[in-house]
Amino acid sequence: MLTRLFALIMVIGGLVLGVFGVFMFLGYQSIFQEALHYRFVVPKAHAGVICLGALILLVSGLILDSLVAEIRKSEQRLSEQISNLSLTTSVEAAKQAMPEPSVAIASHAVQKSVEYFYGDGLGNRTGPLDYVTMRRLVQLKKIGPETPVFSSDSANWLTLADFPELAS
């Protein structure tokens, strides 16, 4: 907010300074002398420099304002993307990040068609997940020994440490 105010002040200052420079360049110094009750003389060369400075100030203020607006838009887009993330993103990332399991693990998973769920401790659960996905989450340290886990083989929620086939 403060940066946007600074940009606005730069733009307004550039406009005022530009008007002053143009009036000085055209020889209308008497208007300002009467308004300020002060006599001064500004040579045309200096009036040109004043106009150039005003133009630089005006353009800089406009550029600063547009940069601040773009930064705010980017922040808002990032905030929306972050809020749209969910626990399933961790599962998808685990599936993509880990190499394919060895044949021994795959055969164990085929033999054991158990479905797993895990919780975040706040009442949210993710699942059903297969054995391979759960192992990937463990290896990526997305879930740990104290993570609540439920399987289709168990009657109650347990911790991951209670499932040796997953925790090892």
Protein backbone atom coordinates (compact mmCIF):
# COMPACT_ATOMS: atom_id res chain seq x y z
CA MET A 1 0.00 0.00 0.00
CA LEU A 2 2.80 2.41 0.92
CA THR A 3 4.65 1.67 -2.32
CA ARG A 4 1.53 2.38 -4.35
CA LEU A 5 1.09 5.70 -2.51
CA PHE A 6 4.72 6.56 -3.25
CA ALA A 7 4.14 5.80 -6.95
CA LEU A 8 1.08 8.06 -6.96
CA ILE A 9 3.07 10.87 -5.36
CA MET A 10 5.75 10.41 -8.04
CA VAL A 11 3.17 10.65 -10.83
CA ILE A 12 1.49 13.72 -9.37
CA GLY A 13 4.87 15.34 -8.69
CA GLY A 14 5.94 14.63 -12.27
CA LEU A 15 2.77 16.24 -13.61
CA VAL A 16 3.11 19.35 -11.44
CA LEU A 17 6.81 19.71 -12.21
CA GLY A 18 6.07 19.20 -15.91
CA VAL A 19 3.44 21.95 -15.94
CA PHE A 20 5.86 24.26 -14.11
CA GLY A 21 8.65 23.47 -16.61
CA VAL A 22 6.43 24.06 -19.64
CA PHE A 23 5.22 27.41 -18.27
CA MET A 24 8.81 28.45 -17.57
CA PHE A 25 9.90 27.34 -21.05
CA LEU A 26 7.08 29.34 -22.68
CA GLY A 27 7.97 32.42 -20.63
CA TYR A 28 4.94 32.53 -18.33
CA GLN A 29 7.04 33.00 -15.20
CA SER A 30 4.89 35.91 -14.06
CA ILE A 31 1.99 33.57 -13.19
CA PHE A 32 4.10 31.74 -10.61
CA GLN A 33 5.81 34.96 -9.46
CA GLU A 34 2.44 36.49 -8.61
CA ALA A 35 1.12 33.33 -6.95
CA LEU A 36 4.26 32.86 -4.85
CA HIS A 37 4.89 36.60 -4.26
CA TYR A 38 8.49 35.95 -5.23
CA ARG A 39 10.45 37.11 -8.25
CA PHE A 40 12.67 34.59 -9.99
CA VAL A 41 14.08 33.93 -13.44
CA VAL A 42 14.36 30.47 -15.01
CA PRO A 43 16.37 30.34 -18.25
CA LYS A 44 14.86 28.28 -21.09
CA ALA A 45 17.68 25.71 -20.84
CA HIS A 46 16.84 25.12 -17.18
CA ALA A 47 13.15 24.91 -18.00
CA GLY A 48 13.97 22.13 -20.46
CA VAL A 49 15.87 20.24 -17.77
CA ILE A 50 12.91 20.68 -15.41
CA CYS A 51 10.60 19.21 -18.07
CA LEU A 52 12.97 16.27 -18.63
CA GLY A 53 13.13 15.62 -14.87
CA ALA A 54 9.35 15.79 -14.68
CA LEU A 55 9.03 13.27 -17.51
CA ILE A 56 11.47 10.88 -15.80
CA LEU A 57 9.60 11.23 -12.49
CA LEU A 58 6.23 10.65 -14.16
CA VAL A 59 7.37 7.56 -16.10
CA SER A 60 9.14 6.12 -13.04
CA GLY A 61 5.97 6.51 -10.98
CA LEU A 62 3.89 4.77 -13.64
CA ILE A 63 6.39 1.91 -13.94
CA LEU A 64 6.53 1.49 -10.16
CA ASP A 65 2.74 1.41 -9.96
CA SER A 66 2.47 -1.23 -12.70
CA LEU A 67 5.17 -3.38 -11.04
CA VAL A 68 3.38 -3.22 -7.70
CA ALA A 69 0.11 -4.22 -9.38
CA GLU A 70 1.79 -7.21 -11.09
CA ILE A 71 3.40 -8.32 -7.82
CA ARG A 72 0.01 -8.20 -6.09
CA LYS A 73 -1.56 -10.28 -8.87
CA SER A 74 1.25 -12.85 -8.60
CA GLU A 75 0.86 -13.00 -4.82
CA GLN A 76 -2.88 -13.57 -5.21
CA ARG A 77 -2.38 -16.34 -7.80
CA LEU A 78 0.18 -18.07 -5.57
CA SER A 79 -2.13 -17.78 -2.57
CA GLU A 80 -4.97 -19.36 -4.54
CA GLN A 81 -2.71 -22.18 -5.75
CA ILE A 82 -1.52 -22.88 -2.21
CA SER A 83 -5.06 -22.95 -0.86
CA ASN A 84 -6.08 -25.41 -3.59
CA LEU A 85 -3.49 -27.95 -2.54
CA SER A 86 -4.78 -30.97 -0.67
CA LEU A 87 -3.52 -34.15 0.92
CA THR A 88 -3.97 -36.00 -2.34
CA THR A 89 -1.16 -33.87 -3.77
CA SER A 90 1.21 -35.63 -1.39
CA VAL A 91 -0.01 -38.99 -2.63
CA GLU A 92 0.38 -38.01 -6.28
CA ALA A 93 3.83 -36.56 -5.61
CA ALA A 94 4.83 -39.77 -3.85
CA LYS A 95 3.73 -41.85 -6.81
CA GLN A 96 5.71 -39.71 -9.26
CA ALA A 97 8.81 -39.14 -7.13
CA MET A 98 9.68 -42.71 -6.28
CA PRO A 99 11.03 -45.25 -8.74
CA GLU A 100 9.01 -48.34 -9.48
CA PRO A 101 9.20 -50.84 -6.63
CA SER A 102 11.29 -53.94 -6.88
CA VAL A 103 9.68 -57.19 -7.99
CA ALA A 104 9.74 -58.47 -4.40
CA ILE A 105 7.73 -55.51 -3.13
CA ALA A 106 5.35 -55.65 -6.09
CA SER A 107 4.68 -59.36 -5.54
CA HIS A 108 4.04 -58.67 -1.84
CA ALA A 109 1.54 -55.98 -2.81
CA VAL A 110 -0.23 -58.28 -5.23
CA GLN A 111 -0.46 -61.02 -2.62
CA LYS A 112 -1.75 -58.59 -0.06
CA SER A 113 -4.58 -56.56 -1.57
CA VAL A 114 -5.09 -54.50 1.56
CA GLU A 115 -6.40 -50.95 1.42
CA TYR A 116 -4.86 -48.38 3.74
CA PHE A 117 -5.99 -45.00 5.01
CA TYR A 118 -3.91 -42.52 6.95
CA GLY A 119 -4.98 -39.53 9.01
CA ASP A 120 -3.44 -36.17 9.76
CA GLY A 121 -4.45 -36.17 13.42
CA LEU A 122 -7.10 -33.48 12.79
CA GLY A 123 -9.84 -35.85 11.67
CA ASN A 124 -8.92 -35.75 7.97
CA ARG A 125 -8.12 -39.02 6.25
CA THR A 126 -6.58 -39.96 2.94
CA GLY A 127 -7.24 -43.22 1.15
CA PRO A 128 -7.86 -45.87 0.13
CA LEU A 129 -4.21 -46.39 -0.82
CA ASP A 130 -2.41 -49.54 -1.85
CA TYR A 131 0.70 -51.01 -0.24
CA VAL A 132 3.12 -49.54 -2.79
CA THR A 133 1.79 -46.00 -2.37
CA MET A 134 1.95 -46.27 1.41
CA ARG A 135 5.58 -47.45 1.20
CA ARG A 136 6.42 -44.52 -1.05
CA LEU A 137 4.87 -42.08 1.43
CA VAL A 138 6.94 -43.66 4.22
CA GLN A 139 10.13 -43.46 2.16
CA LEU A 140 9.44 -39.81 1.31
CA LYS A 141 8.79 -39.19 5.02
CA LYS A 142 5.33 -37.81 4.25
CA ILE A 143 4.02 -40.08 6.98
CA GLY A 144 5.89 -41.26 10.06
CA PRO A 145 5.71 -43.88 12.82
CA GLU A 146 3.11 -41.89 14.79
CA THR A 147 0.78 -41.30 11.82
CA PRO A 148 -2.68 -42.84 12.38
CA VAL A 149 -3.26 -45.67 9.90
CA PHE A 150 -6.26 -47.89 9.22
CA SER A 151 -6.21 -50.95 7.00
CA SER A 152 -8.92 -53.20 5.67
CA ASP A 153 -7.30 -55.98 7.75
CA SER A 154 -7.57 -54.16 11.09
CA ALA A 155 -10.57 -53.32 13.20
CA ASN A 156 -9.23 -50.04 14.63
CA TRP A 157 -7.00 -47.12 13.78
CA LEU A 158 -3.40 -47.85 14.75
CA THR A 159 -0.12 -46.03 14.21
CA LEU A 160 2.13 -46.67 11.25
CA ALA A 161 4.61 -48.32 13.63
CA ASP A 162 1.99 -51.05 14.24
CA PHE A 163 2.25 -52.08 10.56
CA PRO A 164 5.72 -53.64 10.23
CA GLU A 165 5.20 -54.32 6.52
CA LEU A 166 4.89 -50.56 5.96
CA ALA A 167 7.18 -49.12 8.61
CA SER A 168 10.31 -51.08 7.73
